Amino acid sequence: MQRLFGRGKPKDPALSLADCVTLIDSRVESMDEKISGFDVELKKCLQQMQTMRDGPPKNLVKQKAMRVLRRKKMYEAQRDQLKQQSVNMKRARDIIQALKDTKTTKDRTKKI
């Protein structure tokens, strides 16, 4: 059968919990950088709006600022979700370690 259909792709080993936590933390950092970029963009828009008179050009800048603000809020929500997921994974890692320690002490007390 392997000759007929070929072999499947070799599967990558599953990531450990610690690796997943570091991956999520790096994503959170990149989200923070994007959010700070949105802050800079918003400040530019606000400065432009202060110097402009009311009219269509000011409305265009206002619409741009609203789009940037919407994207910023979306990224902040995603960042908060990732942070919560990271906290949950760290908690699970600590629980797993505590269970391993408990099992080790139980096994050692049985030997004695």
C-alpha atoms as a PDB file:
ATOM      1  CA  MET A   1       0.000   0.000   0.000  1.00  0.00           C
ATOM      2  CA  GLN A   2       2.855   2.372   0.720  1.00  0.00           C
ATOM      3  CA  ARG A   3       4.153   1.960  -2.815  1.00  0.00           C
ATOM      4  CA  LEU A   4       0.741   2.614  -4.264  1.00  0.00           C
ATOM      5  CA  PHE A   5      -0.192   5.704  -2.266  1.00  0.00           C
ATOM      6  CA  GLY A   6       3.196   6.787  -0.977  1.00  0.00           C
ATOM      7  CA  ARG A   7       4.098   7.613   2.558  1.00  0.00           C
ATOM      8  CA  GLY A   8       2.488  10.386   4.520  1.00  0.00           C
ATOM      9  CA  LYS A   9       4.398  13.426   5.614  1.00  0.00           C
ATOM     10  CA  PRO A  10       6.457  12.849   8.722  1.00  0.00           C
ATOM     11  CA  LYS A  11       4.588  14.406  11.614  1.00  0.00           C
ATOM     12  CA  ASP A  12       6.254  17.098  13.683  1.00  0.00           C
ATOM     13  CA  PRO A  13       6.558  16.318  17.377  1.00  0.00           C
ATOM     14  CA  ALA A  14       3.881  17.969  19.488  1.00  0.00           C
ATOM     15  CA  LEU A  15       4.871  21.175  21.238  1.00  0.00           C
ATOM     16  CA  SER A  16       5.290  21.074  24.973  1.00  0.00           C
ATOM     17  CA  LEU A  17       3.223  23.304  27.214  1.00  0.00           C
ATOM     18  CA  ALA A  18       6.231  25.541  27.902  1.00  0.00           C
ATOM     19  CA  ASP A  19       6.817  26.001  24.161  1.00  0.00           C
ATOM     20  CA  CYS A  20       3.183  26.962  23.656  1.00  0.00           C
ATOM     21  CA  VAL A  21       3.406  29.511  26.473  1.00  0.00           C
ATOM     22  CA  THR A  22       6.500  31.137  24.938  1.00  0.00           C
ATOM     23  CA  LEU A  23       4.806  31.220  21.523  1.00  0.00           C
ATOM     24  CA  ILE A  24       1.745  32.941  22.944  1.00  0.00           C
ATOM     25  CA  ASP A  25       3.883  35.402  24.912  1.00  0.00           C
ATOM     26  CA  SER A  26       5.757  36.347  21.736  1.00  0.00           C
ATOM     27  CA  ARG A  27       2.421  36.908  19.974  1.00  0.00           C
ATOM     28  CA  VAL A  28       1.318  39.159  22.829  1.00  0.00           C
ATOM     29  CA  GLU A  29       4.508  41.204  22.443  1.00  0.00           C
ATOM     30  CA  SER A  30       3.931  41.620  18.701  1.00  0.00           C
ATOM     31  CA  MET A  31       0.334  42.676  19.413  1.00  0.00           C
ATOM     32  CA  ASP A  32       1.636  45.287  21.873  1.00  0.00           C
ATOM     33  CA  GLU A  33       3.920  46.669  19.155  1.00  0.00           C
ATOM     34  CA  LYS A  34       1.019  46.914  16.706  1.00  0.00           C
ATOM     35  CA  ILE A  35      -1.147  48.624  19.313  1.00  0.00           C
ATOM     36  CA  SER A  36       1.566  51.195  19.999  1.00  0.00           C
ATOM     37  CA  GLY A  37       1.735  51.815  16.234  1.00  0.00           C
ATOM     38  CA  PHE A  38      -2.000  52.469  16.237  1.00  0.00           C
ATOM     39  CA  ASP A  39      -1.511  54.931  19.117  1.00  0.00           C
ATOM     40  CA  VAL A  40       1.016  56.867  17.041  1.00  0.00           C
ATOM     41  CA  GLU A  41      -1.381  56.905  14.085  1.00  0.00           C
ATOM     42  CA  LEU A  42      -4.223  58.151  16.275  1.00  0.00           C
ATOM     43  CA  LYS A  43      -2.079  60.980  17.631  1.00  0.00           C
ATOM     44  CA  LYS A  44      -1.237  62.040  14.078  1.00  0.00           C
ATOM     45  CA  CYS A  45      -4.913  62.079  13.141  1.00  0.00           C
ATOM     46  CA  LEU A  46      -5.837  64.093  16.235  1.00  0.00           C
ATOM     47  CA  GLN A  47      -3.119  66.657  15.505  1.00  0.00           C
ATOM     48  CA  GLN A  48      -4.358  66.979  11.928  1.00  0.00           C
ATOM     49  CA  MET A  49      -7.941  67.421  13.095  1.00  0.00           C
ATOM     50  CA  GLN A  50      -6.972  70.206  15.500  1.00  0.00           C
ATOM     51  CA  THR A  51      -5.407  72.273  12.712  1.00  0.00           C
ATOM     52  CA  MET A  52      -8.243  71.733  10.202  1.00  0.00           C
ATOM     53  CA  ARG A  53     -11.497  73.588   9.819  1.00  0.00           C
ATOM     54  CA  ASP A  54     -14.824  71.779   9.705  1.00  0.00           C
ATOM     55  CA  GLY A  55     -15.640  70.280   6.335  1.00  0.00           C
ATOM     56  CA  PRO A  56     -15.117  67.232   4.139  1.00  0.00           C
ATOM     57  CA  PRO A  57     -11.326  66.958   4.632  1.00  0.00           C
ATOM     58  CA  LYS A  58     -11.738  66.957   8.404  1.00  0.00           C
ATOM     59  CA  ASN A  59     -14.466  64.314   8.114  1.00  0.00           C
ATOM     60  CA  LEU A  60     -12.097  62.099   6.099  1.00  0.00           C
ATOM     61  CA  VAL A  61      -9.439  62.370   8.788  1.00  0.00           C
ATOM     62  CA  LYS A  62     -12.088  61.656  11.431  1.00  0.00           C
ATOM     63  CA  GLN A  63     -13.190  58.521   9.545  1.00  0.00           C
ATOM     64  CA  LYS A  64      -9.584  57.369   9.296  1.00  0.00           C
ATOM     65  CA  ALA A  65      -9.141  57.899  13.035  1.00  0.00           C
ATOM     66  CA  MET A  66     -12.288  55.875  13.722  1.00  0.00           C
ATOM     67  CA  ARG A  67     -11.004  53.001  11.546  1.00  0.00           C
ATOM     68  CA  VAL A  68      -7.670  53.029  13.353  1.00  0.00           C
ATOM     69  CA  LEU A  69      -9.436  53.127  16.721  1.00  0.00           C
ATOM     70  CA  ARG A  70     -11.636  50.163  15.732  1.00  0.00           C
ATOM     71  CA  ARG A  71      -8.576  48.133  14.690  1.00  0.00           C
ATOM     72  CA  LYS A  72      -6.803  49.101  17.899  1.00  0.00           C
ATOM     73  CA  LYS A  73      -9.755  47.901  19.994  1.00  0.00           C
ATOM     74  CA  MET A  74      -9.849  44.637  18.031  1.00  0.00           C
ATOM     75  CA  TYR A  75      -6.135  44.017  18.603  1.00  0.00           C
ATOM     76  CA  GLU A  76      -6.495  44.865  22.296  1.00  0.00           C
ATOM     77  CA  ALA A  77      -9.304  42.315  22.634  1.00  0.00           C
ATOM     78  CA  GLN A  78      -7.194  39.661  20.900  1.00  0.00           C
ATOM     79  CA  ARG A  79      -4.222  40.517  23.109  1.00  0.00           C
ATOM     80  CA  ASP A  80      -6.351  40.161  26.234  1.00  0.00           C
ATOM     81  CA  GLN A  81      -7.584  36.756  25.041  1.00  0.00           C
ATOM     82  CA  LEU A  82      -4.015  35.613  24.391  1.00  0.00           C
ATOM     83  CA  LYS A  83      -2.898  36.829  27.812  1.00  0.00           C
ATOM     84  CA  GLN A  84      -5.724  34.911  29.471  1.00  0.00           C
ATOM     85  CA  GLN A  85      -4.851  31.811  27.468  1.00  0.00           C
ATOM     86  CA  SER A  86      -1.227  32.148  28.545  1.00  0.00           C
ATOM     87  CA  VAL A  87      -2.244  32.444  32.197  1.00  0.00           C
ATOM     88  CA  ASN A  88      -4.420  29.337  31.881  1.00  0.00           C
ATOM     89  CA  MET A  89      -1.576  27.381  30.275  1.00  0.00           C
ATOM     90  CA  LYS A  90       0.855  28.445  32.992  1.00  0.00           C
ATOM     91  CA  ARG A  91      -1.663  27.365  35.606  1.00  0.00           C
ATOM     92  CA  ALA A  92      -2.069  23.990  33.888  1.00  0.00           C
ATOM     93  CA  ARG A  93       1.717  23.598  33.716  1.00  0.00           C
ATOM     94  CA  ASP A  94       1.986  24.271  37.453  1.00  0.00           C
ATOM     95  CA  ILE A  95      -0.771  21.761  38.213  1.00  0.00           C
ATOM     96  CA  ILE A  96       0.917  19.112  36.072  1.00  0.00           C
ATOM     97  CA  GLN A  97       4.216  19.728  37.852  1.00  0.00           C
ATOM     98  CA  ALA A  98       2.515  19.479  41.251  1.00  0.00           C
ATOM     99  CA  LEU A  99       0.925  16.169  40.245  1.00  0.00           C
ATOM    100  CA  LYS A 100       4.286  14.819  39.091  1.00  0.00           C
ATOM    101  CA  ASP A 101       5.857  15.869  42.386  1.00  0.00           C
ATOM    102  CA  THR A 102       3.055  14.212  44.333  1.00  0.00           C
ATOM    103  CA  LYS A 103       3.461  10.995  42.353  1.00  0.00           C
ATOM    104  CA  THR A 104       7.212  11.019  42.941  1.00  0.00           C
ATOM    105  CA  THR A 105       6.831  11.472  46.694  1.00  0.00           C
ATOM    106  CA  LYS A 106       4.184   8.739  46.793  1.00  0.00           C
ATOM    107  CA  ASP A 107       6.458   6.327  44.925  1.00  0.00           C
ATOM    108  CA  ARG A 108       9.378   7.137  47.216  1.00  0.00           C
ATOM    109  CA  THR A 109       7.324   6.612  50.366  1.00  0.00           C
ATOM    110  CA  LYS A 110       6.174   3.232  49.024  1.00  0.00           C
ATOM    111  CA  LYS A 111       9.798   2.117  48.603  1.00  0.00           C
ATOM    112  CA  ILE A 112      10.609   2.950  52.203  1.00  0.00           C
END
